[in-house]
Amino acid sequence: MIRSMTGFASASGALAPHSWGWELRSVNGKGLDLRLRVPDWIDGLEAGLRKQLTDAVGRGNISCNLRVARDETTGGLTVNAAQLETVLDALHQIETRAMDAGISLAPSKATDIVTMRGVLEQATTVDDVAALRATLLAEFPKVLADFNAMRASEGGALAQVLESQLDEIENLTSKAAELAEARTEEMARTIRRNLARVMDNAEGVDADRLTQELALIAVKSDITEEIDRLSAHINAASALLDQSGPVGRKLDFLMQEFNREANTLCAKAQNSELTQVGLALKAVIDQMREQVQNVE
């Protein structure tokens, strides 16, 4: 079943002291255009994600955003021994000089000391980037699966629209074939009437040239090949809609071929009803081609 190029998925996860959020979205594109915004301090992460995306997605403008946050409260508090020693030395000097000057100071309390700058600080831990990277790469396939599930769901709805339009093209092609068959005798009468008129005034006319011109008129009015090619394109498009994987480019090429045959049919019509069918064909083909632009 075909997939749409439009999709979205989001997810979140955590591995202490980190938490993160994924956002994956895509829109139509001529090829595969990957745009990743991930933390550059996690070595090897972008390359791993890019490979997974390339393997899972065939076409579209893909944006992958990953935001990683660190919980700074998990490290707890610790005493900076060097800073504490500096503070205690300074307090000792102050108290000694105060005593020499006969000044009485209140005893220092531990609660006073810990509030001094640099004595008590947040403990730091070394991030295990390898473990974080491995966890993120292992989680990403689930995000990709949700993303492609949405693209497949939209593709199913898109396939129904395309199949309906293809059925309409098939019906119009059959109608064109019927009209072409019905006008055969009329075209023959017209050619015979024109031939009789020419022959009445054919003195000195090159018979071979006259035969060529009549044959050319007959060829220009014959739409058998156009009908056959339209039928072949219908079968090819129907087969593509039943396939899995990226088929959007092939369908787009077929729409160009459909349009070419419809234009030729209109040019050869020489019949108001057949011309109307040709114009209706062109309208449906244009509508179908717009929808095909959404197919991966």
Foldseek 3Di string as FASTA:
>chain_A
DFFFQWWWFKDKDDDPQKIKIKIKTWAFDPWEAEAEADDPVLPPQVVLVVVVCVVQDTGTHMYIYMDMDGDQPVQPKDFDVVVLVVVVVVVVVVCVVCVVVVHDDDDDDPVVSCPPPRGMDRGDDDDPSVVVSVVVSVPVVVRSVNGRVRRVVVLVVLLVVLVVLLVVLLVLLVVLVVVLVVCVVVVVVVLVVVVVVCVVVVVPPDPVVVVVVSVVLVVLQDLVVLSVVSVVLSVVLVVLSPDYDACLVVNLVSLVVQLVSLVSQLRNHVDPVSNVSSVVSNVSSVVSNVSSSRTD
